[in-house]
Structures are given as structure tokens and as C-alpha cells.
């Protein structure tokens, strides 16, 4: 299953797509010792694979950066998700600890470089549509004190009632994953230039990690 991308956006950005999957019956906790061990192993692997000096030109970080510039976002100020996680590791910092589901899909993002979004599926009003924001629409992102008013033209995910993400870098507060979440909608956030098989690989990995570390029932 994929996020529905409106035709106008498809024409403007050929290759823009976002496959999804629901991981059901999860049990989200604050932390998990085995997950923390897995994060440390991944951090060691990332430090072997990448160098800060050349990271911005590595695939798929380059493709995300090019897309960000094209849609008016400065990627030196707002980093693509996978790149931000890898940079954090290369600077000697551990992967963040949010909860077991978020930490699990962050691992998949750091490992593959693909931006991963996730939502509490039971809090979504309907299926997700990707379109350009309309002037005056409001969005309350995770960590924001109050909603921002969108200028119009930003690429957003909308669930039929409200904007739930500014694509592909900021998820909404109301549908975020918490310890009360039972069903997770995982989104592999593609941009032009990233093959669909890489998006599906990241989606598989994120779903696998969430299942493994959150006791998902499938």
C-alpha cells in the first residue's frame, strides 16, 4: 500500500512515492535493553561506513538534499532524517531514546538512509494523501508549543481531516507514537532519485525492528 500522491504533485516531482505498512498489536515501552544493545552495534557500523566530510554526497542523502532545495528547504538547517541520525552518530552521540517503536524505526532510518515516518494508526481519520498545503492550514508538529500556519505549497500528508506531517521531515503531534499506541502505520518517505526497492527495503527493516522490539503480533 502507498500514500496517495495527487496527480499535480506527481507531475511536478516524478518519482515521488511513499509506500506504507501497518504493524499491528505492538506493545511500546520506554526502553528495552536488547534494543539499546542493537543501537550500540548499529552506531559502530555507521562509524565504519561513513565520514562526516563526505556524508552529504552519499546516496541517498544527496537525493534528499537535492529534493529539499527544490521544495525550498535548506538541508543545512533542516537535515533529512536519515542524514541527521547518521551525523549524530558520527559526532559521537548515541541514537536518541524516545520509546521502543520510535527507536526501532530510527534504527532502520540510520541503517538505510531512508527517512521513515510513523503514525498511531488508530488516531488517523482516514487514508493518507500527499498534496501541497493550502495557505492558512495549521500544523502542530512533535515538540512544537503551538501550531504553525502553513504558507501554502509545502508538501504535506493529510488524513482527510488535518495535516499530520510536513513531508518528508516533520510528523504531527496528535498522531505520534506513544506507549499507548497499539497499531503503527509506517511510511517509507521517498523522493525522486531513490529506487522503490530501497524504499521497500527500509520499510521491511523498520517493520521488522518494530515487531522485534515491540512484540508485534503481525
N, C-alpha and C. Protein backbone atom coordinates (compact mmCIF):
# COMPACT_ATOMS: atom_id res chain seq x y z
N UNK A 1 0.85 -1.19 0.00
CA UNK A 1 0.00 0.00 0.00
C UNK A 1 0.89 1.24 0.00
N UNK A 2 0.41 2.30 -0.65
CA UNK A 2 1.18 3.54 -0.72
C UNK A 2 0.31 4.73 -0.35
N UNK A 3 0.98 5.77 0.11
CA UNK A 3 0.30 7.05 0.28
C UNK A 3 -0.17 7.52 -1.10
N UNK A 4 -1.39 8.03 -1.18
CA UNK A 4 -1.91 8.55 -2.44
C UNK A 4 -1.26 9.91 -2.72
N UNK A 5 -0.56 10.01 -3.84
CA UNK A 5 0.07 11.27 -4.23
C UNK A 5 -0.81 11.91 -5.30
N UNK A 6 -1.27 13.14 -5.06
CA UNK A 6 -2.15 13.79 -6.03
C UNK A 6 -1.41 13.98 -7.35
N UNK A 7 -2.17 13.95 -8.43
CA UNK A 7 -1.58 13.95 -9.77
C UNK A 7 -0.71 15.18 -10.02
N UNK A 8 -1.15 16.33 -9.56
CA UNK A 8 -0.38 17.56 -9.78
C UNK A 8 1.02 17.44 -9.17
N UNK A 9 1.09 16.83 -8.00
CA UNK A 9 2.38 16.65 -7.32
C UNK A 9 3.23 15.62 -8.05
N UNK A 10 2.60 14.58 -8.57
CA UNK A 10 3.33 13.56 -9.34
C UNK A 10 3.97 14.18 -10.58
N UNK A 11 3.23 15.07 -11.23
CA UNK A 11 3.78 15.72 -12.42
C UNK A 11 4.93 16.64 -12.07
N UNK A 12 4.81 17.32 -10.96
CA UNK A 12 5.85 18.28 -10.54
C UNK A 12 7.11 17.57 -10.05
N UNK A 13 6.91 16.42 -9.41
CA UNK A 13 8.04 15.68 -8.83
C UNK A 13 7.95 14.21 -9.23
N UNK A 14 8.29 13.88 -10.48
CA UNK A 14 8.21 12.48 -10.92
C UNK A 14 9.05 11.57 -10.02
N UNK A 15 8.49 10.45 -9.67
CA UNK A 15 9.20 9.51 -8.81
C UNK A 15 8.92 9.69 -7.33
N UNK A 16 8.08 10.67 -7.00
CA UNK A 16 7.72 10.88 -5.60
C UNK A 16 6.73 9.81 -5.17
N UNK A 17 7.11 9.02 -4.16
CA UNK A 17 6.22 7.96 -3.70
C UNK A 17 6.56 7.60 -2.26
N UNK A 18 5.59 7.00 -1.56
CA UNK A 18 5.77 6.69 -0.14
C UNK A 18 5.01 5.41 0.21
N UNK A 19 5.65 4.26 0.11
CA UNK A 19 4.99 3.00 0.49
C UNK A 19 4.76 2.93 2.00
N UNK A 20 3.72 2.20 2.39
CA UNK A 20 3.34 2.12 3.81
C UNK A 20 3.08 0.68 4.23
N UNK A 21 3.08 0.49 5.55
CA UNK A 21 2.70 -0.80 6.11
C UNK A 21 2.19 -0.58 7.53
N UNK A 22 1.21 -1.37 7.95
CA UNK A 22 0.75 -1.30 9.33
C UNK A 22 1.35 -2.47 10.12
N UNK A 23 1.97 -2.14 11.24
CA UNK A 23 2.46 -3.15 12.18
C UNK A 23 1.47 -3.16 13.34
N UNK A 24 0.80 -4.29 13.53
CA UNK A 24 -0.31 -4.36 14.47
C UNK A 24 0.08 -5.00 15.81
N UNK A 25 -0.73 -4.69 16.80
CA UNK A 25 -0.65 -5.32 18.12
C UNK A 25 0.71 -5.13 18.78
N UNK A 26 1.23 -3.92 18.69
CA UNK A 26 2.52 -3.64 19.32
C UNK A 26 2.34 -3.34 20.80
N UNK A 27 3.43 -3.45 21.53
CA UNK A 27 3.48 -3.04 22.92
C UNK A 27 4.70 -2.13 23.06
N UNK A 28 4.44 -0.87 23.15
CA UNK A 28 5.51 0.13 23.16
C UNK A 28 5.92 0.42 24.60
N UNK A 29 7.20 0.42 24.83
CA UNK A 29 7.74 0.71 26.16
C UNK A 29 8.74 1.86 26.08
N UNK A 30 9.11 2.35 27.24
CA UNK A 30 10.06 3.46 27.29
C UNK A 30 11.41 3.02 26.75
N UNK A 31 11.85 1.83 27.12
CA UNK A 31 13.14 1.34 26.65
C UNK A 31 13.15 -0.18 26.70
N UNK A 32 14.20 -0.74 26.10
CA UNK A 32 14.36 -2.18 26.02
C UNK A 32 15.87 -2.46 25.99
N UNK A 33 16.40 -3.24 26.93
CA UNK A 33 17.85 -3.48 26.97
C UNK A 33 18.41 -4.07 25.68
N UNK A 34 17.69 -4.99 25.06
CA UNK A 34 18.17 -5.58 23.81
C UNK A 34 18.18 -4.56 22.69
N UNK A 35 17.20 -3.70 22.68
CA UNK A 35 17.17 -2.63 21.68
C UNK A 35 18.36 -1.69 21.87
N UNK A 36 18.68 -1.36 23.10
CA UNK A 36 19.82 -0.49 23.37
C UNK A 36 21.12 -1.13 22.88
N UNK A 37 21.27 -2.44 23.06
CA UNK A 37 22.45 -3.14 22.56
C UNK A 37 22.50 -3.09 21.03
N UNK A 38 21.35 -3.27 20.40
CA UNK A 38 21.29 -3.22 18.94
C UNK A 38 21.64 -1.83 18.42
N UNK A 39 21.21 -0.81 19.13
CA UNK A 39 21.54 0.56 18.74
C UNK A 39 23.05 0.80 18.82
N UNK A 40 23.69 0.28 19.87
CA UNK A 40 25.14 0.45 20.00
C UNK A 40 25.87 -0.25 18.86
N UNK A 41 25.40 -1.44 18.49
CA UNK A 41 26.04 -2.16 17.37
C UNK A 41 25.89 -1.39 16.08
N UNK A 42 24.70 -0.81 15.85
CA UNK A 42 24.47 -0.05 14.64
C UNK A 42 25.35 1.20 14.62
N UNK A 43 25.49 1.85 15.75
CA UNK A 43 26.34 3.05 15.81
C UNK A 43 27.77 2.72 15.41
N UNK A 44 28.27 1.57 15.85
CA UNK A 44 29.63 1.16 15.46
C UNK A 44 29.71 0.93 13.96
N UNK A 45 28.68 0.32 13.41
CA UNK A 45 28.66 0.07 11.96
C UNK A 45 28.63 1.37 11.18
N UNK A 46 27.81 2.32 11.62
CA UNK A 46 27.71 3.62 10.94
C UNK A 46 29.05 4.33 10.96
N UNK A 47 29.78 4.28 12.07
CA UNK A 47 31.08 4.94 12.16
C UNK A 47 32.10 4.30 11.22
N UNK A 48 31.93 3.01 10.93
CA UNK A 48 32.81 2.34 9.97
C UNK A 48 32.47 2.72 8.53
N UNK A 49 31.19 2.95 8.27
CA UNK A 49 30.73 3.15 6.90
C UNK A 49 30.89 4.57 6.38
N UNK A 50 30.73 5.56 7.27
CA UNK A 50 30.61 6.94 6.80
C UNK A 50 31.65 7.87 7.43
N UNK A 51 31.86 9.01 6.75
CA UNK A 51 32.69 10.09 7.25
C UNK A 51 31.91 11.39 7.14
N UNK A 52 32.00 12.22 8.15
CA UNK A 52 31.26 13.49 8.14
C UNK A 52 31.58 14.33 6.92
N UNK A 53 32.85 14.32 6.51
CA UNK A 53 33.30 15.20 5.43
C UNK A 53 32.63 14.89 4.09
N UNK A 54 32.25 13.66 3.88
CA UNK A 54 31.69 13.25 2.59
C UNK A 54 30.23 12.83 2.66
N UNK A 55 29.64 12.93 3.85
CA UNK A 55 28.30 12.37 4.05
C UNK A 55 27.25 12.99 3.14
N UNK A 56 27.30 14.29 2.94
CA UNK A 56 26.23 14.97 2.20
C UNK A 56 26.14 14.50 0.75
N UNK A 57 27.20 13.92 0.22
CA UNK A 57 27.17 13.47 -1.17
C UNK A 57 26.95 11.97 -1.31
N UNK A 58 26.77 11.29 -0.19
CA UNK A 58 26.48 9.85 -0.23
C UNK A 58 25.01 9.64 -0.62
N UNK A 59 24.76 8.53 -1.33
CA UNK A 59 23.39 8.11 -1.61
C UNK A 59 22.83 7.42 -0.36
N UNK A 60 21.58 7.70 0.05
CA UNK A 60 20.56 8.55 -0.57
C UNK A 60 20.50 9.97 -0.02
N UNK A 61 21.49 10.35 0.80
CA UNK A 61 21.44 11.68 1.42
C UNK A 61 21.47 12.79 0.37
N UNK A 62 22.24 12.54 -0.71
CA UNK A 62 22.31 13.54 -1.78
C UNK A 62 20.95 13.76 -2.41
N UNK A 63 20.21 12.68 -2.65
CA UNK A 63 18.89 12.80 -3.27
C UNK A 63 17.92 13.56 -2.38
N UNK A 64 17.95 13.29 -1.07
CA UNK A 64 17.09 14.06 -0.16
C UNK A 64 17.48 15.53 -0.15
N UNK A 65 18.77 15.81 -0.11
CA UNK A 65 19.22 17.21 -0.10
C UNK A 65 18.77 17.94 -1.37
N UNK A 66 18.94 17.29 -2.51
CA UNK A 66 18.52 17.92 -3.77
C UNK A 66 17.02 18.20 -3.76
N UNK A 67 16.24 17.27 -3.24
CA UNK A 67 14.79 17.46 -3.16
C UNK A 67 14.45 18.59 -2.21
N UNK A 68 15.12 18.65 -1.07
CA UNK A 68 14.87 19.72 -0.11
C UNK A 68 15.10 21.08 -0.76
N UNK A 69 16.23 21.23 -1.45
CA UNK A 69 16.50 22.51 -2.12
C UNK A 69 15.39 22.83 -3.12
N UNK A 70 14.93 21.82 -3.84
CA UNK A 70 13.92 22.03 -4.88
C UNK A 70 12.60 22.52 -4.30
N UNK A 71 12.26 22.06 -3.08
CA UNK A 71 10.98 22.48 -2.48
C UNK A 71 11.15 23.63 -1.49
N UNK A 72 12.33 24.24 -1.50
CA UNK A 72 12.52 25.46 -0.71
C UNK A 72 12.93 25.26 0.73
N UNK A 73 13.52 24.08 1.05
CA UNK A 73 14.01 23.81 2.40
C UNK A 73 15.52 23.74 2.35
N UNK A 74 16.19 24.45 3.25
CA UNK A 74 17.64 24.44 3.33
C UNK A 74 18.08 23.21 4.13
N UNK A 75 18.68 22.20 3.46
CA UNK A 75 19.04 20.96 4.17
C UNK A 75 20.24 21.11 5.10
N UNK A 76 20.89 22.27 5.08
CA UNK A 76 21.96 22.50 6.05
C UNK A 76 21.38 22.99 7.38
N UNK A 77 20.10 23.38 7.36
CA UNK A 77 19.42 23.83 8.58
C UNK A 77 18.39 22.80 9.06
N UNK A 78 17.66 22.23 8.11
CA UNK A 78 16.73 21.14 8.42
C UNK A 78 17.26 19.90 7.71
N UNK A 79 17.86 19.01 8.47
CA UNK A 79 18.51 17.84 7.87
C UNK A 79 17.49 16.77 7.49
N UNK A 80 17.71 16.10 6.36
CA UNK A 80 16.93 14.89 6.09
C UNK A 80 17.11 13.91 7.24
N UNK A 81 16.05 13.16 7.57
CA UNK A 81 16.03 12.36 8.80
C UNK A 81 17.18 11.37 8.90
N UNK A 82 17.40 10.60 7.85
CA UNK A 82 18.48 9.60 7.91
C UNK A 82 19.83 10.25 8.09
N UNK A 83 20.05 11.33 7.36
CA UNK A 83 21.33 12.04 7.48
C UNK A 83 21.51 12.62 8.88
N UNK A 84 20.44 13.17 9.44
CA UNK A 84 20.53 13.75 10.78
C UNK A 84 20.94 12.69 11.81
N UNK A 85 20.37 11.50 11.69
CA UNK A 85 20.71 10.43 12.63
C UNK A 85 22.16 9.98 12.46
N UNK A 86 22.59 9.85 11.21
CA UNK A 86 23.97 9.43 10.95
C UNK A 86 24.95 10.49 11.42
N UNK A 87 24.65 11.75 11.17
CA UNK A 87 25.52 12.84 11.65
C UNK A 87 25.63 12.81 13.18
N UNK A 88 24.52 12.56 13.81
CA UNK A 88 24.52 12.49 15.27
C UNK A 88 25.50 11.42 15.75
N UNK A 89 25.46 10.26 15.13
CA UNK A 89 26.34 9.16 15.50
C UNK A 89 27.80 9.52 15.22
N UNK A 90 28.07 10.09 14.05
CA UNK A 90 29.44 10.42 13.67
C UNK A 90 30.04 11.49 14.56
N UNK A 91 29.20 12.28 15.18
CA UNK A 91 29.69 13.30 16.11
C UNK A 91 29.88 12.75 17.52
N UNK A 92 29.67 11.44 17.66
CA UNK A 92 29.94 10.80 18.94
C UNK A 92 28.76 10.71 19.87
N UNK A 93 27.57 11.04 19.37
CA UNK A 93 26.37 10.97 20.20
C UNK A 93 25.58 9.70 19.91
N UNK A 94 24.92 9.13 20.91
CA UNK A 94 24.11 7.93 20.67
C UNK A 94 22.81 8.27 19.95
N UNK A 95 22.20 7.27 19.36
CA UNK A 95 20.87 7.45 18.82
C UNK A 95 19.92 7.87 19.94
N UNK A 96 18.95 8.72 19.63
CA UNK A 96 18.05 9.19 20.70
C UNK A 96 17.22 8.06 21.29
N UNK A 97 16.79 8.25 22.53
CA UNK A 97 15.90 7.29 23.18
C UNK A 97 14.55 7.98 23.37
N UNK A 98 13.56 7.56 22.60
CA UNK A 98 12.20 8.12 22.67
C UNK A 98 11.26 7.08 23.29
N UNK A 99 11.06 6.02 22.55
CA UNK A 99 10.37 4.83 23.04
C UNK A 99 10.76 3.70 22.10
N UNK A 100 10.36 2.48 22.42
CA UNK A 100 10.88 1.34 21.67
C UNK A 100 10.46 1.33 20.20
N UNK A 101 9.28 1.83 19.89
CA UNK A 101 8.84 1.86 18.49
C UNK A 101 9.58 2.92 17.70
N UNK A 102 9.66 4.13 18.24
CA UNK A 102 10.36 5.21 17.55
C UNK A 102 11.85 4.88 17.41
N UNK A 103 12.43 4.36 18.48
CA UNK A 103 13.85 3.99 18.42
C UNK A 103 14.08 2.90 17.37
N UNK A 104 13.13 1.99 17.25
CA UNK A 104 13.27 0.89 16.29
C UNK A 104 13.26 1.41 14.85
N UNK A 105 12.32 2.29 14.52
CA UNK A 105 12.32 2.77 13.13
C UNK A 105 13.41 3.78 12.88
N UNK A 106 13.89 4.47 13.92
CA UNK A 106 15.06 5.33 13.75
C UNK A 106 16.30 4.51 13.40
N UNK A 107 16.39 3.31 13.98
CA UNK A 107 17.49 2.41 13.61
C UNK A 107 17.45 2.08 12.12
N UNK A 108 16.26 1.78 11.62
CA UNK A 108 16.12 1.45 10.19
C UNK A 108 16.50 2.64 9.32
N UNK A 109 16.13 3.83 9.76
CA UNK A 109 16.46 5.04 9.01
C UNK A 109 17.97 5.28 8.98
N UNK A 110 18.62 5.12 10.12
CA UNK A 110 20.07 5.32 10.18
C UNK A 110 20.80 4.26 9.37
N UNK A 111 20.27 3.04 9.36
CA UNK A 111 20.92 1.95 8.65
C UNK A 111 20.79 2.07 7.15
N UNK A 112 19.64 2.55 6.68
CA UNK A 112 19.39 2.61 5.23
C UNK A 112 19.53 4.01 4.64
N UNK A 113 19.46 5.03 5.48
CA UNK A 113 19.48 6.41 4.99
C UNK A 113 18.12 6.92 4.56
N UNK A 114 17.12 6.06 4.56
CA UNK A 114 15.77 6.43 4.13
C UNK A 114 15.02 7.08 5.28
N UNK A 115 14.34 8.20 4.99
CA UNK A 115 13.51 8.84 6.01
C UNK A 115 12.29 7.98 6.28
N UNK A 116 12.04 7.71 7.55
CA UNK A 116 10.90 6.90 7.96
C UNK A 116 9.97 7.76 8.81
N UNK A 117 8.69 7.74 8.47
CA UNK A 117 7.68 8.39 9.31
C UNK A 117 6.80 7.29 9.89
N UNK A 118 6.17 7.57 11.02
CA UNK A 118 5.26 6.59 11.60
C UNK A 118 4.17 7.30 12.37
N UNK A 119 2.98 6.70 12.35
CA UNK A 119 1.81 7.29 12.97
C UNK A 119 1.05 6.25 13.77
N UNK A 120 0.39 6.71 14.82
CA UNK A 120 -0.55 5.85 15.53
C UNK A 120 -1.74 5.64 14.60
N UNK A 121 -1.85 4.45 14.04
CA UNK A 121 -2.86 4.19 13.01
C UNK A 121 -4.28 4.41 13.52
N UNK A 122 -4.50 4.22 14.81
CA UNK A 122 -5.84 4.36 15.37
C UNK A 122 -6.24 5.83 15.57
N UNK A 123 -5.28 6.73 15.43
CA UNK A 123 -5.58 8.15 15.57
C UNK A 123 -5.73 8.86 14.23
N UNK A 124 -5.49 8.13 13.14
CA UNK A 124 -5.68 8.70 11.81
C UNK A 124 -7.16 8.64 11.45
N UNK A 125 -7.65 9.69 10.80
CA UNK A 125 -9.07 9.74 10.44
C UNK A 125 -9.36 8.94 9.17
N UNK A 126 -8.36 8.76 8.34
CA UNK A 126 -8.56 8.03 7.09
C UNK A 126 -7.22 7.75 6.44
N UNK A 127 -7.26 7.35 5.16
CA UNK A 127 -6.02 7.09 4.44
C UNK A 127 -5.24 8.37 4.19
N UNK A 128 -3.93 8.23 4.03
CA UNK A 128 -3.08 9.40 3.85
C UNK A 128 -3.01 9.83 2.39
N UNK A 129 -3.07 11.13 2.19
CA UNK A 129 -2.90 11.73 0.87
C UNK A 129 -1.73 12.71 0.94
N UNK A 130 -0.89 12.70 -0.09
CA UNK A 130 0.19 13.66 -0.19
C UNK A 130 -0.20 14.74 -1.19
N UNK A 131 -0.15 15.96 -0.73
CA UNK A 131 -0.51 17.09 -1.58
C UNK A 131 0.22 18.34 -1.10
N UNK A 132 0.03 19.43 -1.81
CA UNK A 132 0.59 20.70 -1.37
C UNK A 132 -0.36 21.34 -0.35
N UNK A 133 0.23 21.97 0.66
CA UNK A 133 -0.57 22.64 1.68
C UNK A 133 -1.30 23.83 1.08
N UNK A 134 -2.45 24.11 1.66
CA UNK A 134 -3.20 25.31 1.27
C UNK A 134 -2.86 26.44 2.23
N UNK A 135 -2.78 27.66 1.75
CA UNK A 135 -2.45 28.78 2.63
C UNK A 135 -3.41 28.84 3.82
N UNK A 136 -2.83 28.96 5.01
CA UNK A 136 -3.66 29.07 6.21
C UNK A 136 -3.90 27.78 6.95
N UNK A 137 -3.57 26.63 6.35
CA UNK A 137 -3.70 25.37 7.08
C UNK A 137 -2.74 25.37 8.26
N UNK A 138 -3.17 24.74 9.35
CA UNK A 138 -2.34 24.70 10.55
C UNK A 138 -1.73 23.31 10.73
N UNK A 139 -0.58 23.32 11.39
CA UNK A 139 0.12 22.06 11.65
C UNK A 139 0.84 22.15 12.99
N UNK A 140 0.57 21.17 13.85
CA UNK A 140 1.26 21.08 15.14
C UNK A 140 2.19 19.88 15.09
N UNK A 141 3.47 20.15 14.97
CA UNK A 141 4.45 19.08 14.88
C UNK A 141 4.90 18.61 16.25
N UNK A 142 5.51 17.44 16.27
CA UNK A 142 6.05 16.90 17.52
C UNK A 142 7.06 17.88 18.10
N UNK A 143 6.88 18.21 19.36
CA UNK A 143 7.81 19.12 20.02
C UNK A 143 7.46 20.58 19.90
N UNK A 144 6.43 20.91 19.11
CA UNK A 144 6.02 22.32 18.96
C UNK A 144 5.12 22.74 20.12
N UNK A 145 5.29 23.99 20.55
CA UNK A 145 4.46 24.53 21.62
C UNK A 145 3.07 24.92 21.13
N UNK A 146 3.01 25.35 19.87
CA UNK A 146 1.74 25.76 19.29
C UNK A 146 1.77 25.51 17.80
N UNK A 147 0.61 25.43 17.16
CA UNK A 147 0.58 25.15 15.72
C UNK A 147 1.22 26.28 14.92
N UNK A 148 1.78 25.90 13.78
CA UNK A 148 2.25 26.89 12.82
C UNK A 148 1.21 27.00 11.71
N UNK A 149 1.17 28.16 11.07
CA UNK A 149 0.29 28.37 9.93
C UNK A 149 1.11 28.18 8.67
N UNK A 150 0.71 27.23 7.83
CA UNK A 150 1.45 26.95 6.60
C UNK A 150 1.19 28.04 5.57
N UNK A 151 2.24 28.37 4.85
CA UNK A 151 2.12 29.47 3.87
C UNK A 151 1.40 29.01 2.60
N UNK A 152 1.40 27.68 2.39
CA UNK A 152 0.84 27.12 1.16
C UNK A 152 1.96 26.68 0.24
N UNK A 153 1.82 25.48 -0.32
CA UNK A 153 2.85 24.97 -1.22
C UNK A 153 3.76 23.94 -0.59
N UNK A 154 3.82 23.88 0.74
CA UNK A 154 4.59 22.83 1.39
C UNK A 154 3.98 21.47 1.05
N UNK A 155 4.80 20.46 0.95
CA UNK A 155 4.28 19.12 0.72
C UNK A 155 3.87 18.53 2.07
N UNK A 156 2.63 18.07 2.15
CA UNK A 156 2.11 17.57 3.42
C UNK A 156 1.42 16.23 3.23
N UNK A 157 1.28 15.51 4.34
CA UNK A 157 0.42 14.33 4.40
C UNK A 157 -0.84 14.72 5.14
N UNK A 158 -1.98 14.37 4.57
CA UNK A 158 -3.28 14.76 5.12
C UNK A 158 -4.12 13.51 5.27
N UNK A 159 -4.83 13.39 6.40
CA UNK A 159 -5.61 12.16 6.64
C UNK A 159 -7.10 12.35 6.37
N UNK A 160 -7.45 13.40 5.63
CA UNK A 160 -8.84 13.67 5.32
C UNK A 160 -9.47 14.69 6.23
N UNK A 161 -8.83 14.95 7.37
CA UNK A 161 -9.33 15.94 8.32
C UNK A 161 -8.29 17.00 8.62
N UNK A 162 -7.03 16.59 8.76
CA UNK A 162 -5.99 17.53 9.12
C UNK A 162 -4.63 17.11 8.55
N UNK A 163 -3.71 18.05 8.57
CA UNK A 163 -2.33 17.78 8.17
C UNK A 163 -1.65 17.02 9.30
N UNK A 164 -1.10 15.84 8.98
CA UNK A 164 -0.45 15.02 10.01
C UNK A 164 1.06 14.98 9.85
N UNK A 165 1.59 15.57 8.77
CA UNK A 165 3.04 15.63 8.60
C UNK A 165 3.38 16.66 7.53
N UNK A 166 4.49 17.32 7.71
CA UNK A 166 5.10 18.10 6.63
C UNK A 166 6.19 17.20 6.05
N UNK A 167 6.03 16.84 4.80
CA UNK A 167 6.82 15.80 4.16
C UNK A 167 8.14 16.36 3.63
N UNK A 168 9.23 15.61 3.80
CA UNK A 168 9.35 14.34 4.49
C UNK A 168 10.14 14.45 5.79
N UNK A 169 9.86 15.47 6.61
CA UNK A 169 10.76 15.67 7.74
C UNK A 169 10.10 15.98 9.08
N UNK A 170 8.80 16.20 9.15
CA UNK A 170 8.20 16.56 10.45
C UNK A 170 6.85 15.90 10.62
N UNK A 171 6.71 15.02 11.62
CA UNK A 171 5.43 14.36 11.89
C UNK A 171 4.61 15.17 12.89
N UNK A 172 3.29 14.95 12.87
CA UNK A 172 2.38 15.69 13.72
C UNK A 172 2.33 15.14 15.14
N UNK A 173 1.98 16.01 16.06
CA UNK A 173 1.94 15.64 17.48
C UNK A 173 0.77 14.72 17.80
N UNK A 174 -0.39 14.97 17.24
CA UNK A 174 -1.59 14.23 17.65
C UNK A 174 -1.51 12.76 17.29
N UNK A 175 -0.82 12.42 16.22
CA UNK A 175 -0.77 11.04 15.75
C UNK A 175 0.58 10.38 16.04
N UNK A 176 1.38 10.98 16.91
CA UNK A 176 2.70 10.42 17.21
C UNK A 176 2.59 9.09 17.95
N UNK A 177 3.67 8.32 17.91
CA UNK A 177 3.73 7.02 18.56
C UNK A 177 4.04 7.22 20.04
N UNK A 178 3.19 6.64 20.90
CA UNK A 178 3.38 6.72 22.34
C UNK A 178 3.31 5.32 22.94
N UNK A 179 3.45 5.22 24.25
CA UNK A 179 3.35 3.93 24.91
C UNK A 179 1.94 3.37 24.89
N UNK A 180 0.97 4.20 24.49
CA UNK A 180 -0.42 3.72 24.37
C UNK A 180 -0.72 3.21 22.96
N UNK A 181 0.18 3.44 22.03
CA UNK A 181 -0.05 3.02 20.63
C UNK A 181 -0.10 1.50 20.53
N UNK A 182 -1.05 1.01 19.75
CA UNK A 182 -1.17 -0.43 19.52
C UNK A 182 -0.97 -0.83 18.06
N UNK A 183 -1.22 0.09 17.13
CA UNK A 183 -1.06 -0.20 15.71
C UNK A 183 -0.30 0.96 15.06
N UNK A 184 0.79 0.63 14.39
CA UNK A 184 1.69 1.65 13.84
C UNK A 184 1.63 1.64 12.32
N UNK A 185 1.33 2.80 11.74
CA UNK A 185 1.44 2.95 10.29
C UNK A 185 2.83 3.48 9.98
N UNK A 186 3.63 2.68 9.29
CA UNK A 186 4.99 3.05 8.94
C UNK A 186 5.01 3.54 7.50
N UNK A 187 5.71 4.66 7.26
CA UNK A 187 5.79 5.24 5.93
C UNK A 187 7.26 5.38 5.54
N UNK A 188 7.61 4.81 4.40
CA UNK A 188 8.96 4.96 3.85
C UNK A 188 8.93 6.16 2.90
N UNK A 189 9.59 7.23 3.30
CA UNK A 189 9.44 8.53 2.62
C UNK A 189 10.40 8.65 1.45
N UNK A 190 9.87 8.44 0.25
CA UNK A 190 10.69 8.52 -0.94
C UNK A 190 10.73 9.91 -1.53
N UNK A 191 11.80 10.16 -2.29
CA UNK A 191 11.93 11.38 -3.09
C UNK A 191 12.46 10.97 -4.45
N UNK A 192 12.34 11.82 -5.46
CA UNK A 192 12.86 11.46 -6.78
C UNK A 192 14.33 11.05 -6.71
N UNK A 193 14.64 9.98 -7.42
CA UNK A 193 16.02 9.51 -7.48
C UNK A 193 16.31 8.34 -6.56
N UNK A 194 15.37 8.00 -5.68
CA UNK A 194 15.56 6.85 -4.80
C UNK A 194 14.69 5.70 -5.32
N UNK A 195 15.30 4.59 -5.72
CA UNK A 195 14.53 3.47 -6.28
C UNK A 195 13.53 2.91 -5.28
N UNK A 196 12.42 2.41 -5.79
CA UNK A 196 11.37 1.89 -4.93
C UNK A 196 11.84 0.69 -4.12
N UNK A 197 12.78 -0.11 -4.67
CA UNK A 197 13.23 -1.26 -3.92
C UNK A 197 13.97 -0.85 -2.65
N UNK A 198 14.62 0.31 -2.67
CA UNK A 198 15.29 0.81 -1.47
C UNK A 198 14.26 1.28 -0.44
N UNK A 199 13.18 1.87 -0.91
CA UNK A 199 12.12 2.30 -0.01
C UNK A 199 11.47 1.09 0.65
N UNK A 200 11.24 0.04 -0.13
CA UNK A 200 10.61 -1.16 0.41
C UNK A 200 11.55 -1.89 1.37
N UNK A 201 12.84 -1.87 1.09
CA UNK A 201 13.81 -2.49 2.00
C UNK A 201 13.78 -1.77 3.35
N UNK A 202 13.76 -0.44 3.31
CA UNK A 202 13.71 0.33 4.55
C UNK A 202 12.41 0.08 5.30
N UNK A 203 11.31 -0.03 4.54
CA UNK A 203 10.01 -0.32 5.15
C UNK A 203 10.02 -1.69 5.81
N UNK A 204 10.59 -2.67 5.14
CA UNK A 204 10.70 -4.02 5.71
C UNK A 204 11.52 -3.99 6.99
N UNK A 205 12.63 -3.28 6.95
CA UNK A 205 13.53 -3.24 8.09
C UNK A 205 12.88 -2.54 9.28
N UNK A 206 12.23 -1.40 9.02
CA UNK A 206 11.55 -0.69 10.10
C UNK A 206 10.46 -1.54 10.72
N UNK A 207 9.68 -2.22 9.89
CA UNK A 207 8.61 -3.08 10.39
C UNK A 207 9.18 -4.25 11.19
N UNK A 208 10.28 -4.81 10.70
CA UNK A 208 10.94 -5.93 11.39
C UNK A 208 11.43 -5.50 12.77
N UNK A 209 12.07 -4.33 12.83
CA UNK A 209 12.60 -3.86 14.11
C UNK A 209 11.47 -3.52 15.09
N UNK A 210 10.41 -2.90 14.58
CA UNK A 210 9.28 -2.60 15.46
C UNK A 210 8.68 -3.91 16.00
N UNK A 211 8.50 -4.87 15.13
CA UNK A 211 7.96 -6.17 15.55
C UNK A 211 8.86 -6.84 16.58
N UNK A 212 10.16 -6.79 16.34
CA UNK A 212 11.11 -7.47 17.21
C UNK A 212 11.16 -6.84 18.60
N UNK A 213 11.19 -5.51 18.64
CA UNK A 213 11.41 -4.84 19.91
C UNK A 213 10.14 -4.33 20.59
N UNK A 214 9.00 -4.51 19.90
CA UNK A 214 7.73 -4.10 20.50
C UNK A 214 6.74 -5.25 20.57
N UNK A 215 7.22 -6.46 20.34
CA UNK A 215 6.36 -7.63 20.49
C UNK A 215 5.13 -7.60 19.62
N UNK A 216 5.29 -7.14 18.36
CA UNK A 216 4.15 -7.03 17.46
C UNK A 216 3.56 -8.40 17.15
N UNK A 217 2.23 -8.39 17.00
CA UNK A 217 1.56 -9.65 16.69
C UNK A 217 1.34 -9.88 15.23
N UNK A 218 1.93 -9.01 14.38
CA UNK A 218 1.80 -9.20 12.94
C UNK A 218 0.67 -8.43 12.35
